[in-house]
Amino acid sequence: FIAAEINTSSNAVKQGPSAGKAAIGGSFNLIDHNGNVVTDRDILGNWTVVYFGFTHCPHICPDELQKLADAVDKIKEKTGIEIVPVFISVDPERDTVEQVREYVKEFHPNLVGLTGNLDEIKKAARAFRVYYMKTEEEGLDYLVDHSIIMYV
């Protein structure tokens, strides 16, 4: 029988100094799918998950929004916590209030769809460190390349 002392300090994961936390989120002023002005202050104090995408997205956005809708329902069922799911468009050229309204009702009854003018969308995307870029297609049949991140 051999006994050995485990030196926990040598087995511990070493962590270097922190460079600080990323500043994610910030002020925005957008229009919801019912035509109401929504700012960042309106969602403060609520459990909220924010996803940036666009309504003409063929695959990724619908898949991600369905995952978000399912997660919102499961969390409420298991914990009772109400989460507000929020979709922010990165395609202000096509994503009108009406277009966003029709889109969000396909996923979850509580999903808040937000859109706005180009400057306001840029400001919101910058605040959340979201990358997006319209592809170089002619006319209105284009895609928007964008980050695929959900923010809590």
C-alpha atoms as a PDB file:
ATOM      1  CA  PHE A   1       0.000   0.000   0.000  1.00  0.00           C
ATOM      2  CA  ILE A   2       1.518   3.325  -1.094  1.00  0.00           C
ATOM      3  CA  ALA A   3       0.126   6.641   0.033  1.00  0.00           C
ATOM      4  CA  ALA A   4       0.932   9.856  -1.712  1.00  0.00           C
ATOM      5  CA  GLU A   5       0.117  13.422  -0.871  1.00  0.00           C
ATOM      6  CA  ILE A   6      -1.584  15.305  -3.664  1.00  0.00           C
ATOM      7  CA  ASN A   7      -0.176  18.745  -4.133  1.00  0.00           C
ATOM      8  CA  THR A   8      -3.293  20.675  -5.088  1.00  0.00           C
ATOM      9  CA  SER A   9      -1.435  23.864  -5.867  1.00  0.00           C
ATOM     10  CA  SER A  10       0.552  22.207  -8.648  1.00  0.00           C
ATOM     11  CA  ASN A  11      -2.610  20.675 -10.101  1.00  0.00           C
ATOM     12  CA  ALA A  12      -4.596  23.904  -9.960  1.00  0.00           C
ATOM     13  CA  VAL A  13      -5.289  25.711 -13.168  1.00  0.00           C
ATOM     14  CA  LYS A  14      -3.128  28.773 -13.363  1.00  0.00           C
ATOM     15  CA  GLN A  15      -4.831  31.949 -14.495  1.00  0.00           C
ATOM     16  CA  GLY A  16      -3.021  35.022 -15.672  1.00  0.00           C
ATOM     17  CA  PRO A  17      -4.016  38.562 -14.867  1.00  0.00           C
ATOM     18  CA  SER A  18      -7.323  39.712 -16.254  1.00  0.00           C
ATOM     19  CA  ALA A  19      -7.432  42.454 -18.842  1.00  0.00           C
ATOM     20  CA  GLY A  20     -10.916  43.472 -17.703  1.00  0.00           C
ATOM     21  CA  LYS A  21     -14.383  42.780 -18.954  1.00  0.00           C
ATOM     22  CA  ALA A  22     -15.582  43.504 -22.452  1.00  0.00           C
ATOM     23  CA  ALA A  23     -17.996  46.392 -22.588  1.00  0.00           C
ATOM     24  CA  ILE A  24     -20.939  44.750 -24.327  1.00  0.00           C
ATOM     25  CA  GLY A  25     -24.295  46.399 -24.706  1.00  0.00           C
ATOM     26  CA  GLY A  26     -25.137  50.032 -24.526  1.00  0.00           C
ATOM     27  CA  SER A  27     -27.608  52.621 -25.572  1.00  0.00           C
ATOM     28  CA  PHE A  28     -29.866  52.137 -28.562  1.00  0.00           C
ATOM     29  CA  ASN A  29     -33.059  53.686 -29.852  1.00  0.00           C
ATOM     30  CA  LEU A  30     -35.011  51.371 -32.169  1.00  0.00           C
ATOM     31  CA  ILE A  31     -38.585  50.662 -33.264  1.00  0.00           C
ATOM     32  CA  ASP A  32     -40.339  47.450 -32.225  1.00  0.00           C
ATOM     33  CA  HIS A  33     -42.544  45.274 -34.414  1.00  0.00           C
ATOM     34  CA  ASN A  34     -45.609  47.226 -33.232  1.00  0.00           C
ATOM     35  CA  GLY A  35     -44.152  50.617 -34.180  1.00  0.00           C
ATOM     36  CA  ASN A  36     -43.173  51.660 -30.635  1.00  0.00           C
ATOM     37  CA  VAL A  37     -39.844  53.246 -29.723  1.00  0.00           C
ATOM     38  CA  VAL A  38     -37.708  50.885 -27.619  1.00  0.00           C
ATOM     39  CA  THR A  39     -34.463  51.894 -25.941  1.00  0.00           C
ATOM     40  CA  ASP A  40     -31.898  49.960 -23.963  1.00  0.00           C
ATOM     41  CA  ARG A  41     -33.515  51.333 -20.797  1.00  0.00           C
ATOM     42  CA  ASP A  42     -36.740  49.509 -21.652  1.00  0.00           C
ATOM     43  CA  ILE A  43     -35.097  46.100 -21.329  1.00  0.00           C
ATOM     44  CA  LEU A  44     -33.003  46.824 -18.232  1.00  0.00           C
ATOM     45  CA  GLY A  45     -34.191  44.928 -15.181  1.00  0.00           C
ATOM     46  CA  ASN A  46     -35.534  42.005 -17.218  1.00  0.00           C
ATOM     47  CA  TRP A  47     -33.889  38.746 -18.123  1.00  0.00           C
ATOM     48  CA  THR A  48     -33.314  39.360 -21.809  1.00  0.00           C
ATOM     49  CA  VAL A  49     -31.622  37.463 -24.618  1.00  0.00           C
ATOM     50  CA  VAL A  50     -30.685  39.557 -27.658  1.00  0.00           C
ATOM     51  CA  TYR A  51     -29.993  38.131 -31.117  1.00  0.00           C
ATOM     52  CA  PHE A  52     -28.990  40.122 -34.205  1.00  0.00           C
ATOM     53  CA  GLY A  53     -30.089  38.844 -37.617  1.00  0.00           C
ATOM     54  CA  PHE A  54     -32.290  39.651 -40.597  1.00  0.00           C
ATOM     55  CA  THR A  55     -35.678  38.487 -41.820  1.00  0.00           C
ATOM     56  CA  HIS A  56     -34.501  37.321 -45.248  1.00  0.00           C
ATOM     57  CA  CYS A  57     -31.888  35.023 -43.702  1.00  0.00           C
ATOM     58  CA  PRO A  58     -32.423  31.609 -45.311  1.00  0.00           C
ATOM     59  CA  HIS A  59     -31.153  29.222 -42.626  1.00  0.00           C
ATOM     60  CA  ILE A  60     -29.076  30.406 -39.672  1.00  0.00           C
ATOM     61  CA  CYS A  61     -31.350  33.102 -38.226  1.00  0.00           C
ATOM     62  CA  PRO A  62     -34.493  30.950 -38.233  1.00  0.00           C
ATOM     63  CA  ASP A  63     -32.592  28.080 -36.617  1.00  0.00           C
ATOM     64  CA  GLU A  64     -31.099  30.332 -33.941  1.00  0.00           C
ATOM     65  CA  LEU A  65     -34.415  32.046 -33.199  1.00  0.00           C
ATOM     66  CA  GLN A  66     -36.140  28.668 -32.851  1.00  0.00           C
ATOM     67  CA  LYS A  67     -33.423  27.559 -30.398  1.00  0.00           C
ATOM     68  CA  LEU A  68     -33.948  30.808 -28.500  1.00  0.00           C
ATOM     69  CA  ALA A  69     -37.726  30.304 -28.401  1.00  0.00           C
ATOM     70  CA  ASP A  70     -37.330  26.718 -27.160  1.00  0.00           C
ATOM     71  CA  ALA A  71     -34.841  27.799 -24.474  1.00  0.00           C
ATOM     72  CA  VAL A  72     -37.136  30.593 -23.262  1.00  0.00           C
ATOM     73  CA  ASP A  73     -39.990  28.093 -22.843  1.00  0.00           C
ATOM     74  CA  LYS A  74     -37.834  25.451 -21.118  1.00  0.00           C
ATOM     75  CA  ILE A  75     -36.338  27.945 -18.686  1.00  0.00           C
ATOM     76  CA  LYS A  76     -39.777  29.250 -17.758  1.00  0.00           C
ATOM     77  CA  GLU A  77     -41.079  25.703 -17.318  1.00  0.00           C
ATOM     78  CA  LYS A  78     -38.174  24.601 -15.107  1.00  0.00           C
ATOM     79  CA  THR A  79     -37.508  27.785 -13.116  1.00  0.00           C
ATOM     80  CA  GLY A  80     -40.449  30.119 -13.580  1.00  0.00           C
ATOM     81  CA  ILE A  81     -38.087  32.805 -14.868  1.00  0.00           C
ATOM     82  CA  GLU A  82     -39.544  34.904 -17.671  1.00  0.00           C
ATOM     83  CA  ILE A  83     -36.984  35.756 -20.331  1.00  0.00           C
ATOM     84  CA  VAL A  84     -37.661  38.421 -22.949  1.00  0.00           C
ATOM     85  CA  PRO A  85     -36.293  37.286 -26.320  1.00  0.00           C
ATOM     86  CA  VAL A  86     -35.228  40.187 -28.568  1.00  0.00           C
ATOM     87  CA  PHE A  87     -34.406  40.114 -32.283  1.00  0.00           C
ATOM     88  CA  ILE A  88     -32.541  43.144 -33.688  1.00  0.00           C
ATOM     89  CA  SER A  89     -32.399  43.463 -37.463  1.00  0.00           C
ATOM     90  CA  VAL A  90     -29.121  44.178 -39.221  1.00  0.00           C
ATOM     91  CA  ASP A  91     -30.951  44.836 -42.496  1.00  0.00           C
ATOM     92  CA  PRO A  92     -32.784  48.149 -42.127  1.00  0.00           C
ATOM     93  CA  GLU A  93     -33.200  48.453 -45.893  1.00  0.00           C
ATOM     94  CA  ARG A  94     -35.650  45.526 -46.084  1.00  0.00           C
ATOM     95  CA  ASP A  95     -36.657  44.925 -42.471  1.00  0.00           C
ATOM     96  CA  THR A  96     -39.517  47.346 -42.016  1.00  0.00           C
ATOM     97  CA  VAL A  97     -41.720  47.309 -38.929  1.00  0.00           C
ATOM     98  CA  GLU A  98     -44.297  45.257 -40.854  1.00  0.00           C
ATOM     99  CA  GLN A  99     -41.707  42.789 -42.145  1.00  0.00           C
ATOM    100  CA  VAL A 100     -40.263  42.290 -38.659  1.00  0.00           C
ATOM    101  CA  ARG A 101     -43.779  41.874 -37.177  1.00  0.00           C
ATOM    102  CA  GLU A 102     -44.574  39.049 -39.604  1.00  0.00           C
ATOM    103  CA  TYR A 103     -41.193  37.431 -38.985  1.00  0.00           C
ATOM    104  CA  VAL A 104     -41.135  37.368 -35.180  1.00  0.00           C
ATOM    105  CA  LYS A 105     -44.631  35.922 -34.831  1.00  0.00           C
ATOM    106  CA  GLU A 106     -43.319  32.750 -36.501  1.00  0.00           C
ATOM    107  CA  PHE A 107     -41.052  31.974 -33.532  1.00  0.00           C
ATOM    108  CA  HIS A 108     -42.414  32.991 -30.128  1.00  0.00           C
ATOM    109  CA  PRO A 109     -45.335  35.109 -28.887  1.00  0.00           C
ATOM    110  CA  ASN A 110     -43.015  37.126 -26.626  1.00  0.00           C
ATOM    111  CA  LEU A 111     -40.268  37.699 -29.187  1.00  0.00           C
ATOM    112  CA  VAL A 112     -39.658  41.435 -29.554  1.00  0.00           C
ATOM    113  CA  GLY A 113     -38.505  42.415 -33.025  1.00  0.00           C
ATOM    114  CA  LEU A 114     -36.525  45.640 -33.384  1.00  0.00           C
ATOM    115  CA  THR A 115     -35.517  47.605 -36.453  1.00  0.00           C
ATOM    116  CA  GLY A 116     -34.579  51.177 -37.222  1.00  0.00           C
ATOM    117  CA  ASN A 117     -32.692  53.409 -39.574  1.00  0.00           C
ATOM    118  CA  LEU A 118     -29.168  52.579 -40.692  1.00  0.00           C
ATOM    119  CA  ASP A 119     -27.484  54.841 -38.120  1.00  0.00           C
ATOM    120  CA  GLU A 120     -29.452  53.401 -35.200  1.00  0.00           C
ATOM    121  CA  ILE A 121     -28.813  49.818 -36.313  1.00  0.00           C
ATOM    122  CA  LYS A 122     -25.087  50.596 -36.600  1.00  0.00           C
ATOM    123  CA  LYS A 123     -25.112  52.110 -33.113  1.00  0.00           C
ATOM    124  CA  ALA A 124     -26.847  49.068 -31.592  1.00  0.00           C
ATOM    125  CA  ALA A 125     -24.560  46.620 -33.408  1.00  0.00           C
ATOM    126  CA  ARG A 126     -21.484  48.566 -32.327  1.00  0.00           C
ATOM    127  CA  ALA A 127     -22.683  48.589 -28.709  1.00  0.00           C
ATOM    128  CA  PHE A 128     -22.974  44.786 -28.737  1.00  0.00           C
ATOM    129  CA  ARG A 129     -19.788  44.297 -30.786  1.00  0.00           C
ATOM    130  CA  VAL A 130     -21.777  42.680 -33.603  1.00  0.00           C
ATOM    131  CA  TYR A 131     -20.196  42.340 -37.017  1.00  0.00           C
ATOM    132  CA  TYR A 132     -22.469  42.627 -40.042  1.00  0.00           C
ATOM    133  CA  MET A 133     -21.986  43.419 -43.714  1.00  0.00           C
ATOM    134  CA  LYS A 134     -24.355  43.418 -46.664  1.00  0.00           C
ATOM    135  CA  THR A 135     -23.119  41.227 -49.521  1.00  0.00           C
ATOM    136  CA  GLU A 136     -22.371  42.770 -52.906  1.00  0.00           C
ATOM    137  CA  GLU A 137     -25.492  41.601 -54.726  1.00  0.00           C
ATOM    138  CA  GLU A 138     -27.614  43.646 -57.106  1.00  0.00           C
ATOM    139  CA  GLY A 139     -31.146  44.659 -56.108  1.00  0.00           C
ATOM    140  CA  LEU A 140     -32.954  43.444 -53.021  1.00  0.00           C
ATOM    141  CA  ASP A 141     -31.889  39.791 -53.309  1.00  0.00           C
ATOM    142  CA  TYR A 142     -28.833  39.946 -51.057  1.00  0.00           C
ATOM    143  CA  LEU A 143     -27.617  38.362 -47.830  1.00  0.00           C
ATOM    144  CA  VAL A 144     -26.158  39.992 -44.752  1.00  0.00           C
ATOM    145  CA  ASP A 145     -23.113  38.354 -43.205  1.00  0.00           C
ATOM    146  CA  HIS A 146     -23.266  38.784 -39.418  1.00  0.00           C
ATOM    147  CA  SER A 147     -22.142  37.530 -36.020  1.00  0.00           C
ATOM    148  CA  ILE A 148     -24.116  34.611 -34.618  1.00  0.00           C
ATOM    149  CA  ILE A 149     -24.192  35.349 -30.895  1.00  0.00           C
ATOM    150  CA  MET A 150     -26.938  35.489 -28.291  1.00  0.00           C
ATOM    151  CA  TYR A 151     -26.444  38.048 -25.549  1.00  0.00           C
ATOM    152  CA  VAL A 152     -27.958  37.572 -22.076  1.00  0.00           C
END
